[in-house]
Amino acid sequence: MNAINESIAQIRIHTNSDFYIVGGFIRDFLLKRDYNDIDLILSEDALTVAKEFAYNREGSFIILDEANAAARVILKNENLVIDFSRMKGKDIVEDLMERDYTINAMALKVGQDGGVDWDNLIDPTNGKIDMENKCIRMLSEKAFQDDPLRMIRGVRFAAQLDFDIEDITAKSIKKHSKYLMTSGAERISHELFQILKCNGTHYYFNMMDKHLDLLNKIFPEIEPMKQVGQCKYHVVDSWAHSLYTLNVAESIIYADGYFENHLREAYEEHTQRIFSNGHTRIQLIKLAALFHDIGKPSAKWTDETGRIRFKGHEITGMEIVADISDRLKLSNKEKQFLCKIVKEHMWPLTLYKENDVSGRAIYDLFKNFGEDTLDVLLVSLADMIATRKLLHPHEEMGMYKVHIEYLANNYLTRFRELMDLSHVLNGNEVMEHFDIDDGKVVGQILEDVRKAIFFGKIPPEKERAIHYIEKGMFQ
């Protein structure tokens, strides 16, 4: 709070005009939530004040909308982002009435001394009362007409704050849902990934599908999933199964004590890692769980006995997920991850059915998935539980859980440290010691060393690795 107070006081030095703190900062402060950004409304000279402030504080100055006098100042040292905007309308009340939801339509006037008086909160739409009642309420339907993205932002606020969307607001969102895709793909993707951060993503995706009619605008591919999927192994359609799989995945991830401590800690650390574009692995795992069966409608066929089959749904699903990744403007790394999980999510189950957990079988799985191994194991476990629990609600899933834990433990204790062999032997050392300049040959030699260590033929020691290579070369 000190950094914000100091910044506000300094901004006051640069202008004698009225300015106000508005929006999310007020909401989060009253809810005692963390905050590191603040929105300011100035009656005039917003760009000039922002630029002067950025210069004096050695911050980054970014113009967001020159026509509407909107700019951003980033103070990296204070981990603070301040947005400056010119007031819309003749006064602050008119400006607030142009906002999306009542909980974001509150303001505080900054005094001439740079201070604020919380007792004089400007709240023309009773946003504080809605906030206390945990209610997301629109200001008017015009908000969605002016910017359709506000509809999905409402879901994001509900997910982040654990609030409910008020009935009239929900009906209005459903009424205007067809306009959502007029918003930019990057903006939609940003809101989706904010929802994917939250513990109950499956609940809010279900809400967006059944009650708000939003999700099929973003992912039209889910509609065919509602028409297929019921077969010998599934009592619900593919979409219901996929939502349930996401639900199960979240229950595993956020459970306390589902896995033994060492495995739980490994998953917690792994899933919270930044993957790409600021997105964490857990966000992408959730998407993979949701879309693991998205290829079933296009792969559906009936065999000679009349039994419905979906052989090849992994391949068609991978192609569909690639298109979705492009639409969401995901990075190539994120796209490749999702495609890999969708394409190969049946692999752990195949090993289970074939009762094959031999060293060769699990090595091939680990080699294929590398650092994504824990992710595919989690999706596979969630998929199996979501399938079997609906078929046989009282069935214990202990055996498949043990299978997944066995694979995960082998990956963590035997394979993970071998993905990078540089602590044992690196490519340059192989080239120099054996006078080899062919990169492919060097790569194959290192792979042979990796296998030898994994299968216990040699310890992870440089001298033993070199001796092993020499022995192999001159046999």
Protein backbone atom coordinates (compact mmCIF):
# COMPACT_ATOMS: atom_id res chain seq x y z
CA MET A 1 0.00 0.00 0.00
CA ASN A 2 2.91 2.36 0.69
CA ALA A 3 4.03 2.24 -2.95
CA ILE A 4 0.51 3.13 -4.09
CA ASN A 5 0.20 5.98 -1.59
CA GLU A 6 3.57 7.38 -2.64
CA SER A 7 2.65 7.12 -6.30
CA ILE A 8 -0.72 8.83 -5.83
CA ALA A 9 0.90 11.65 -3.87
CA GLN A 10 3.48 12.14 -6.61
CA ILE A 11 0.83 12.10 -9.36
CA ARG A 12 -0.99 14.85 -7.47
CA ILE A 13 2.13 17.01 -7.89
CA HIS A 14 1.77 16.79 -11.67
CA THR A 15 -1.83 18.01 -11.85
CA ASN A 16 -4.23 20.35 -10.09
CA SER A 17 -7.20 18.78 -11.88
CA ASP A 18 -9.56 16.33 -10.23
CA PHE A 19 -8.62 12.69 -10.43
CA TYR A 20 -10.02 9.50 -8.98
CA ILE A 21 -9.07 5.97 -8.07
CA VAL A 22 -11.61 3.63 -9.67
CA GLY A 23 -12.49 0.02 -10.37
CA GLY A 24 -10.71 -3.16 -9.36
CA PHE A 25 -8.31 -1.68 -6.80
CA ILE A 26 -11.22 -0.46 -4.66
CA ARG A 27 -13.00 -3.80 -4.98
CA ASP A 28 -9.89 -5.81 -4.08
CA PHE A 29 -8.93 -3.51 -1.21
CA LEU A 30 -12.37 -3.85 0.36
CA LEU A 31 -12.25 -7.62 -0.13
CA LYS A 32 -8.75 -7.73 1.40
CA ARG A 33 -7.35 -9.28 -1.76
CA ASP A 34 -3.85 -8.80 -3.14
CA TYR A 35 -3.48 -5.99 -5.67
CA ASN A 36 -0.63 -4.63 -7.74
CA ASP A 37 -2.45 -2.43 -10.22
CA ILE A 38 -4.57 0.66 -9.97
CA ASP A 39 -6.81 2.57 -12.38
CA LEU A 40 -6.95 6.37 -12.31
CA ILE A 41 -9.46 8.67 -13.99
CA LEU A 42 -8.30 12.21 -14.69
CA SER A 43 -10.55 15.06 -15.74
CA GLU A 44 -7.86 16.28 -18.17
CA ASP A 45 -4.25 15.80 -19.37
CA ALA A 46 -4.19 12.05 -18.65
CA LEU A 47 -1.41 11.28 -21.13
CA THR A 48 0.76 14.22 -20.10
CA VAL A 49 0.46 13.42 -16.39
CA ALA A 50 1.20 9.73 -17.01
CA LYS A 51 4.27 10.53 -19.08
CA GLU A 52 5.68 12.98 -16.53
CA PHE A 53 5.03 10.55 -13.68
CA ALA A 54 6.74 7.70 -15.56
CA TYR A 55 9.77 9.88 -16.26
CA ASN A 56 10.16 10.95 -12.63
CA ARG A 57 9.76 7.40 -11.30
CA GLU A 58 11.86 5.78 -14.04
CA GLY A 59 8.88 3.70 -15.06
CA SER A 60 7.81 2.36 -18.45
CA PHE A 61 5.26 4.52 -20.28
CA ILE A 62 2.88 2.76 -22.69
CA ILE A 63 0.09 4.41 -24.66
CA LEU A 64 -2.96 2.15 -24.59
CA ASP A 65 -5.40 4.32 -26.55
CA GLU A 66 -4.22 7.72 -27.73
CA ALA A 67 -7.63 8.77 -29.08
CA ASN A 68 -9.25 8.21 -25.68
CA ALA A 69 -6.19 9.38 -23.72
CA ALA A 70 -5.39 6.10 -21.99
CA ALA A 71 -1.88 5.09 -20.92
CA ARG A 72 -0.09 2.66 -18.61
CA VAL A 73 2.90 3.18 -16.36
CA ILE A 74 4.79 0.13 -15.10
CA LEU A 75 6.98 0.50 -12.02
CA LYS A 76 8.97 -2.71 -12.00
CA ASN A 77 10.80 -2.01 -8.76
CA GLU A 78 7.52 -1.59 -6.89
CA ASN A 79 5.73 -4.35 -8.87
CA LEU A 80 3.02 -1.80 -9.63
CA VAL A 81 0.98 -1.03 -12.74
CA ILE A 82 -0.96 2.24 -12.95
CA ASP A 83 -3.44 2.94 -15.75
CA PHE A 84 -4.37 6.53 -16.56
CA SER A 85 -7.57 7.41 -18.46
CA ARG A 86 -9.44 10.56 -19.35
CA MET A 87 -12.86 10.92 -17.74
CA LYS A 88 -15.84 9.94 -19.89
CA GLY A 89 -18.79 12.27 -19.43
CA LYS A 90 -19.17 15.46 -17.48
CA ASP A 91 -18.30 13.97 -14.07
CA ILE A 92 -17.13 10.83 -12.31
CA VAL A 93 -20.65 9.41 -11.91
CA GLU A 94 -21.22 9.51 -15.66
CA ASP A 95 -17.86 7.80 -16.13
CA LEU A 96 -18.72 5.05 -13.64
CA MET A 97 -22.05 4.41 -15.33
CA GLU A 98 -20.15 3.40 -18.48
CA ARG A 99 -18.50 0.48 -16.69
CA ASP A 100 -19.37 -3.22 -16.75
CA TYR A 101 -20.42 -4.40 -13.29
CA THR A 102 -21.49 -2.63 -10.13
CA ILE A 103 -18.55 -4.01 -8.14
CA ASN A 104 -16.24 -2.18 -10.57
CA ALA A 105 -18.21 1.09 -10.56
CA MET A 106 -16.86 2.64 -7.38
CA ALA A 107 -14.45 5.56 -7.06
CA LEU A 108 -12.42 7.56 -4.54
CA LYS A 109 -11.55 11.20 -5.14
CA VAL A 110 -7.90 12.06 -4.53
CA GLY A 111 -7.58 15.15 -2.36
CA GLN A 112 -5.21 18.05 -2.93
CA ASP A 113 -2.87 16.49 -0.38
CA GLY A 114 -2.78 13.24 -2.35
CA GLY A 115 -4.88 11.37 0.20
CA VAL A 116 -8.27 9.63 -0.08
CA ASP A 117 -11.23 9.41 2.28
CA TRP A 118 -12.80 5.92 2.29
CA ASP A 119 -15.84 7.31 4.10
CA ASN A 120 -16.63 9.28 0.95
CA LEU A 121 -16.67 6.31 -1.41
CA ILE A 122 -18.47 7.21 -4.64
CA ASP A 123 -20.82 4.29 -5.29
CA PRO A 124 -23.77 5.27 -7.53
CA THR A 125 -24.84 1.68 -8.30
CA ASN A 126 -24.53 0.12 -4.82
CA GLY A 127 -21.52 -1.90 -5.85
CA LYS A 128 -20.35 -2.26 -2.26
CA ILE A 129 -23.65 -3.90 -1.29
CA ASP A 130 -23.41 -6.28 -4.26
CA MET A 131 -19.85 -7.04 -3.24
CA GLU A 132 -20.95 -7.85 0.31
CA ASN A 133 -23.68 -10.09 -1.14
CA LYS A 134 -21.16 -11.79 -3.47
CA CYS A 135 -23.13 -10.74 -6.51
CA ILE A 136 -21.98 -9.99 -10.08
CA ARG A 137 -24.53 -7.51 -11.46
CA MET A 138 -24.32 -5.64 -14.75
CA LEU A 139 -24.91 -1.91 -14.92
CA SER A 140 -26.94 -2.26 -18.12
CA GLU A 141 -27.18 -4.36 -21.28
CA LYS A 142 -25.37 -1.53 -23.03
CA ALA A 143 -22.20 -2.70 -21.29
CA PHE A 144 -22.27 -5.95 -23.29
CA GLN A 145 -23.20 -4.16 -26.50
CA ASP A 146 -20.30 -1.74 -26.14
CA ASP A 147 -17.78 -4.51 -25.37
CA PRO A 148 -18.96 -8.15 -25.61
CA LEU A 149 -15.81 -9.33 -23.85
CA ARG A 150 -17.37 -8.05 -20.64
CA MET A 151 -19.60 -11.13 -20.67
CA ILE A 152 -16.72 -13.54 -20.15
CA ARG A 153 -15.10 -11.07 -17.76
CA GLY A 154 -18.19 -11.49 -15.59
CA VAL A 155 -17.50 -15.22 -15.41
CA ARG A 156 -13.87 -14.49 -14.61
CA PHE A 157 -14.85 -12.22 -11.72
CA ALA A 158 -17.24 -14.88 -10.42
CA ALA A 159 -14.48 -17.50 -10.57
CA GLN A 160 -11.82 -15.33 -8.96
CA LEU A 161 -14.04 -13.92 -6.21
CA ASP A 162 -16.33 -16.93 -5.65
CA PHE A 163 -19.34 -14.73 -6.45
CA ASP A 164 -22.63 -15.58 -8.20
CA ILE A 165 -23.83 -13.98 -11.42
CA GLU A 166 -27.21 -12.34 -10.78
CA ASP A 167 -30.10 -13.88 -12.77
CA ILE A 168 -30.99 -10.87 -14.93
CA THR A 169 -27.31 -10.39 -15.74
CA ALA A 170 -27.01 -14.07 -16.70
CA LYS A 171 -30.03 -13.81 -18.99
CA SER A 172 -28.57 -10.72 -20.63
CA ILE A 173 -25.25 -12.47 -21.20
CA LYS A 174 -27.04 -15.39 -22.83
CA LYS A 175 -29.04 -12.97 -24.99
CA HIS A 176 -25.90 -11.23 -26.26
CA SER A 177 -23.58 -14.28 -26.31
CA LYS A 178 -23.58 -14.45 -30.12
CA TYR A 179 -21.55 -11.24 -30.21
CA LEU A 180 -18.70 -12.57 -28.04
CA MET A 181 -16.47 -13.51 -30.95
CA THR A 182 -16.40 -9.94 -32.24
CA SER A 183 -13.84 -9.45 -29.46
CA GLY A 184 -10.20 -10.05 -30.31
CA ALA A 185 -8.88 -13.60 -29.95
CA GLU A 186 -6.08 -12.49 -27.63
CA ARG A 187 -8.55 -10.80 -25.28
CA ILE A 188 -10.77 -13.89 -25.14
CA SER A 189 -7.76 -16.13 -24.57
CA HIS A 190 -6.59 -13.90 -21.71
CA GLU A 191 -9.94 -14.19 -19.93
CA LEU A 192 -10.10 -17.95 -20.44
CA PHE A 193 -6.67 -18.43 -18.93
CA GLN A 194 -7.68 -16.31 -15.94
CA ILE A 195 -10.58 -18.73 -15.37
CA LEU A 196 -8.19 -21.66 -15.84
CA LYS A 197 -6.18 -20.29 -12.90
CA CYS A 198 -9.10 -20.82 -10.54
CA ASN A 199 -9.77 -23.98 -8.54
CA GLY A 200 -13.28 -24.56 -9.91
CA THR A 201 -12.64 -24.15 -13.62
CA HIS A 202 -14.94 -27.07 -14.48
CA TYR A 203 -17.84 -25.37 -12.66
CA TYR A 204 -17.45 -22.10 -14.54
CA PHE A 205 -16.95 -23.78 -17.91
CA ASN A 206 -20.15 -25.72 -17.25
CA MET A 207 -21.88 -22.44 -16.39
CA MET A 208 -20.59 -20.84 -19.60
CA ASP A 209 -21.95 -23.81 -21.53
CA LYS A 210 -25.34 -24.56 -19.95
CA HIS A 211 -26.46 -21.23 -18.55
CA LEU A 212 -24.71 -18.46 -20.47
CA ASP A 213 -24.35 -19.98 -23.95
CA LEU A 214 -20.81 -18.62 -24.20
CA LEU A 215 -18.51 -21.61 -24.36
CA ASN A 216 -19.75 -22.95 -27.69
CA LYS A 217 -19.07 -19.55 -29.22
CA ILE A 218 -15.42 -19.90 -28.29
CA PHE A 219 -15.28 -23.65 -28.95
CA PRO A 220 -17.95 -24.64 -31.50
CA GLU A 221 -16.29 -28.07 -31.57
CA ILE A 222 -18.02 -29.00 -28.30
CA GLU A 223 -21.50 -29.15 -29.85
CA PRO A 224 -20.83 -32.35 -31.87
CA MET A 225 -19.36 -33.88 -28.70
CA LYS A 226 -22.81 -33.69 -27.09
CA GLN A 227 -24.19 -36.03 -29.75
CA VAL A 228 -21.65 -38.85 -29.47
CA GLY A 229 -19.63 -40.80 -26.95
CA GLN A 230 -22.09 -43.16 -25.33
CA CYS A 231 -20.82 -46.70 -25.85
CA LYS A 232 -19.71 -49.78 -23.94
CA TYR A 233 -17.36 -47.73 -21.77
CA HIS A 234 -19.24 -44.42 -21.47
CA VAL A 235 -22.73 -43.79 -20.12
CA VAL A 236 -22.67 -40.08 -20.99
CA ASP A 237 -21.79 -38.11 -24.11
CA SER A 238 -18.24 -37.04 -24.85
CA TRP A 239 -18.74 -33.48 -23.66
CA ALA A 240 -20.23 -34.50 -20.29
CA HIS A 241 -17.37 -36.97 -19.87
CA SER A 242 -14.80 -34.29 -20.75
CA LEU A 243 -16.19 -31.82 -18.22
CA TYR A 244 -16.19 -34.57 -15.62
CA THR A 245 -12.58 -35.42 -16.50
CA LEU A 246 -11.65 -31.77 -15.90
CA ASN A 247 -13.53 -31.92 -12.60
CA VAL A 248 -11.61 -35.04 -11.53
CA ALA A 249 -8.27 -33.56 -12.63
CA GLU A 250 -8.92 -30.50 -10.47
CA SER A 251 -9.97 -32.63 -7.51
CA ILE A 252 -6.68 -34.54 -7.75
CA ILE A 253 -4.53 -31.45 -8.20
CA TYR A 254 -6.06 -29.49 -5.36
CA ALA A 255 -6.58 -32.43 -2.99
CA ASP A 256 -4.58 -32.63 0.20
CA GLY A 257 -3.41 -36.20 0.63
CA TYR A 258 -4.53 -37.83 -2.63
CA PHE A 259 -0.95 -38.80 -3.43
CA GLU A 260 1.78 -39.63 -0.94
CA ASN A 261 3.63 -36.52 0.21
CA HIS A 262 6.67 -36.80 -2.04
CA LEU A 263 4.50 -37.27 -5.14
CA ARG A 264 2.04 -34.57 -4.10
CA GLU A 265 4.90 -32.13 -3.60
CA ALA A 266 6.38 -33.04 -6.99
CA TYR A 267 3.05 -32.40 -8.69
CA GLU A 268 2.51 -29.13 -6.84
CA GLU A 269 5.92 -27.85 -7.88
CA HIS A 270 5.59 -29.14 -11.44
CA THR A 271 2.10 -27.82 -12.18
CA GLN A 272 2.84 -24.32 -10.92
CA ARG A 273 5.80 -23.83 -13.26
CA ILE A 274 5.45 -21.15 -15.91
CA PHE A 275 5.11 -22.96 -19.22
CA SER A 276 4.83 -20.20 -21.84
CA ASN A 277 3.26 -16.76 -22.25
CA GLY A 278 2.98 -16.50 -18.47
CA HIS A 279 0.69 -19.55 -18.41
CA THR A 280 1.34 -22.31 -15.90
CA ARG A 281 1.33 -26.02 -16.58
CA ILE A 282 -1.84 -26.46 -14.53
CA GLN A 283 -3.75 -24.19 -16.90
CA LEU A 284 -2.65 -26.24 -19.90
CA ILE A 285 -3.29 -29.55 -18.14
CA LYS A 286 -6.86 -28.43 -17.58
CA LEU A 287 -7.30 -27.61 -21.26
CA ALA A 288 -5.82 -30.97 -22.21
CA ALA A 289 -8.21 -32.76 -19.85
CA LEU A 290 -11.15 -30.86 -21.32
CA PHE A 291 -10.21 -31.63 -24.93
CA HIS A 292 -8.72 -35.12 -24.63
CA ASP A 293 -11.75 -36.68 -26.41
CA ILE A 294 -12.57 -33.81 -28.76
CA GLY A 295 -11.80 -36.02 -31.77
CA LYS A 296 -14.54 -38.56 -31.05
CA PRO A 297 -17.29 -37.04 -33.26
CA SER A 298 -15.07 -37.13 -36.34
CA ALA A 299 -13.70 -40.60 -35.52
CA LYS A 300 -17.03 -42.30 -34.78
CA TRP A 301 -17.83 -45.50 -36.70
CA THR A 302 -19.87 -48.68 -36.23
CA ASP A 303 -18.30 -52.12 -36.59
CA GLU A 304 -19.90 -55.22 -38.12
CA THR A 305 -21.53 -56.17 -34.80
CA GLY A 306 -23.18 -52.78 -34.50
CA ARG A 307 -20.85 -51.62 -31.74
CA ILE A 308 -19.87 -47.94 -31.82
CA ARG A 309 -16.14 -47.35 -32.04
CA PHE A 310 -13.90 -44.28 -31.81
CA LYS A 311 -10.61 -45.71 -32.95
CA GLY A 312 -8.31 -42.94 -34.13
CA HIS A 313 -10.01 -40.21 -32.08
CA GLU A 314 -6.60 -39.30 -30.66
CA ILE A 315 -5.33 -38.32 -34.12
CA THR A 316 -8.40 -36.33 -35.17
CA GLY A 317 -8.45 -34.76 -31.70
CA MET A 318 -4.84 -33.63 -32.08
CA GLU A 319 -5.73 -31.89 -35.36
CA ILE A 320 -8.72 -30.13 -33.80
CA VAL A 321 -6.70 -29.00 -30.78
CA ALA A 322 -4.08 -27.59 -33.12
CA ASP A 323 -6.78 -25.41 -34.72
CA ILE A 324 -8.07 -24.33 -31.31
CA SER A 325 -4.54 -23.42 -30.22
CA ASP A 326 -4.14 -21.21 -33.27
CA ARG A 327 -7.48 -19.53 -32.61
CA LEU A 328 -6.48 -18.78 -29.03
CA LYS A 329 -3.14 -17.40 -30.24
CA LEU A 330 -1.19 -19.85 -28.12
CA SER A 331 2.54 -20.23 -28.54
CA ASN A 332 3.99 -23.10 -30.57
CA LYS A 333 5.20 -24.69 -27.34
CA GLU A 334 1.71 -24.61 -25.84
CA LYS A 335 0.21 -25.93 -29.06
CA GLN A 336 2.67 -28.81 -29.20
CA PHE A 337 1.97 -29.67 -25.56
CA LEU A 338 -1.80 -29.84 -26.03
CA CYS A 339 -1.46 -31.84 -29.24
CA LYS A 340 0.91 -34.30 -27.57
CA ILE A 341 -1.36 -34.91 -24.56
CA VAL A 342 -4.48 -35.35 -26.71
CA LYS A 343 -2.70 -37.64 -29.16
CA GLU A 344 -1.04 -39.84 -26.53
CA HIS A 345 -3.41 -39.75 -23.55
CA MET A 346 -4.28 -43.45 -24.02
CA TRP A 347 -0.67 -44.64 -23.71
CA PRO A 348 -0.60 -45.19 -19.89
CA LEU A 349 -3.93 -47.04 -20.11
CA THR A 350 -2.57 -49.27 -22.88
CA LEU A 351 0.36 -50.28 -20.65
CA TYR A 352 -2.12 -51.04 -17.87
CA LYS A 353 -4.35 -53.18 -20.06
CA GLU A 354 -1.37 -55.08 -21.43
CA ASN A 355 0.05 -55.45 -17.91
CA ASP A 356 3.33 -54.16 -19.25
CA VAL A 357 5.41 -52.04 -16.91
CA SER A 358 8.68 -53.48 -18.09
CA GLY A 359 11.73 -51.27 -18.15
CA ARG A 360 11.57 -51.04 -21.94
CA ALA A 361 7.88 -50.05 -21.96
CA ILE A 362 8.16 -47.32 -19.36
CA TYR A 363 11.44 -46.02 -20.80
CA ASP A 364 9.74 -45.54 -24.19
CA LEU A 365 6.89 -43.65 -22.50
CA PHE A 366 9.27 -41.40 -20.56
CA LYS A 367 11.43 -40.81 -23.63
CA ASN A 368 8.39 -39.76 -25.64
CA PHE A 369 6.93 -37.41 -23.04
CA GLY A 370 10.05 -36.11 -21.31
CA GLU A 371 9.21 -33.25 -18.97
CA ASP A 372 5.50 -33.63 -19.87
CA THR A 373 5.31 -37.13 -18.35
CA LEU A 374 3.60 -36.08 -15.11
CA ASP A 375 1.03 -34.14 -17.14
CA VAL A 376 -0.05 -37.04 -19.35
CA LEU A 377 -0.18 -39.37 -16.34
CA LEU A 378 -2.50 -36.97 -14.55
CA VAL A 379 -4.83 -36.60 -17.55
CA SER A 380 -4.87 -40.38 -18.00
CA LEU A 381 -5.79 -40.93 -14.35
CA ALA A 382 -8.56 -38.31 -14.48
CA ASP A 383 -9.89 -39.80 -17.72
CA MET A 384 -10.03 -43.31 -16.26
CA ILE A 385 -11.72 -42.21 -13.03
CA ALA A 386 -14.26 -40.10 -14.94
CA THR A 387 -15.08 -43.11 -17.12
CA ARG A 388 -15.28 -45.82 -14.48
CA LYS A 389 -17.03 -43.84 -11.75
CA LEU A 390 -20.07 -43.29 -13.98
CA LEU A 391 -20.13 -46.91 -15.12
CA HIS A 392 -19.61 -48.33 -11.63
CA PRO A 393 -20.02 -45.59 -8.98
CA HIS A 394 -18.78 -47.81 -6.14
CA GLU A 395 -15.79 -49.21 -7.97
CA GLU A 396 -12.47 -48.61 -6.30
CA MET A 397 -9.91 -47.04 -8.64
CA GLY A 398 -6.98 -48.10 -6.47
CA MET A 399 -5.32 -50.38 -9.01
CA TYR A 400 -5.12 -47.76 -11.77
CA LYS A 401 -4.01 -45.14 -9.27
CA VAL A 402 -1.21 -47.49 -8.16
CA HIS A 403 -0.26 -47.94 -11.83
CA ILE A 404 -0.03 -44.17 -12.37
CA GLU A 405 1.89 -43.69 -9.11
CA TYR A 406 4.33 -46.41 -10.13
CA LEU A 407 4.99 -44.69 -13.45
CA ALA A 408 5.27 -41.27 -11.83
CA ASN A 409 7.71 -42.51 -9.19
CA ASN A 410 9.87 -44.23 -11.79
CA TYR A 411 9.94 -41.06 -13.84
CA LEU A 412 10.91 -38.92 -10.85
CA THR A 413 13.53 -41.24 -9.37
CA ARG A 414 15.01 -42.93 -12.43
CA PHE A 415 14.45 -40.90 -15.56
CA ARG A 416 14.03 -37.20 -14.86
CA GLU A 417 17.65 -36.60 -13.87
CA LEU A 418 18.80 -38.40 -17.04
CA MET A 419 17.01 -36.09 -19.48
CA ASP A 420 20.00 -33.79 -19.19
CA LEU A 421 23.12 -35.95 -19.09
CA SER A 422 25.58 -33.07 -18.84
CA HIS A 423 26.30 -33.90 -15.20
CA VAL A 424 27.61 -37.25 -16.47
CA LEU A 425 28.78 -36.60 -20.02
CA ASN A 426 28.03 -33.94 -22.62
CA GLY A 427 28.20 -33.85 -26.40
CA ASN A 428 31.42 -31.84 -26.60
CA GLU A 429 33.19 -34.34 -24.39
CA VAL A 430 32.04 -37.20 -26.61
CA MET A 431 33.25 -35.36 -29.73
CA GLU A 432 36.68 -34.59 -28.24
CA HIS A 433 37.30 -37.96 -26.62
CA PHE A 434 36.22 -40.09 -29.59
CA ASP A 435 37.06 -37.62 -32.38
CA ILE A 436 33.48 -37.59 -33.72
CA ASP A 437 32.02 -34.55 -35.50
CA ASP A 438 28.64 -36.00 -36.57
CA GLY A 439 25.96 -34.56 -34.28
CA LYS A 440 23.51 -37.39 -34.96
CA VAL A 441 26.09 -40.00 -33.99
CA VAL A 442 26.89 -38.10 -30.81
CA GLY A 443 23.20 -37.90 -29.99
CA GLN A 444 22.78 -41.64 -30.43
CA ILE A 445 25.82 -42.35 -28.24
CA LEU A 446 24.38 -40.20 -25.46
CA GLU A 447 21.03 -41.96 -25.83
CA ASP A 448 22.78 -45.32 -25.44
CA VAL A 449 24.46 -44.02 -22.28
CA ARG A 450 21.11 -42.78 -20.94
CA LYS A 451 19.54 -46.19 -21.49
CA ALA A 452 22.50 -47.95 -19.87
CA ILE A 453 22.16 -45.84 -16.74
CA PHE A 454 18.35 -46.20 -16.66
CA PHE A 455 18.54 -50.00 -16.95
CA GLY A 456 21.25 -50.21 -14.32
CA LYS A 457 24.04 -51.37 -16.57
CA ILE A 458 26.37 -48.57 -15.44
CA PRO A 459 26.30 -45.95 -12.67
CA PRO A 460 25.91 -42.25 -13.59
CA GLU A 461 29.65 -41.60 -13.65
CA LYS A 462 31.73 -40.08 -16.47
CA GLU A 463 34.52 -42.67 -16.39
CA ARG A 464 32.09 -45.59 -16.48
CA ALA A 465 30.12 -43.93 -19.31
CA ILE A 466 33.28 -43.46 -21.40
CA HIS A 467 34.33 -47.04 -20.76
CA TYR A 468 30.84 -48.22 -21.78
CA ILE A 469 31.07 -46.28 -25.06
CA GLU A 470 34.57 -47.62 -25.76
CA LYS A 471 33.41 -51.15 -25.11
CA GLY A 472 30.49 -50.73 -27.49
CA MET A 473 32.59 -49.13 -30.23
CA PHE A 474 35.26 -51.82 -30.33
CA GLN A 475 33.18 -54.94 -29.89
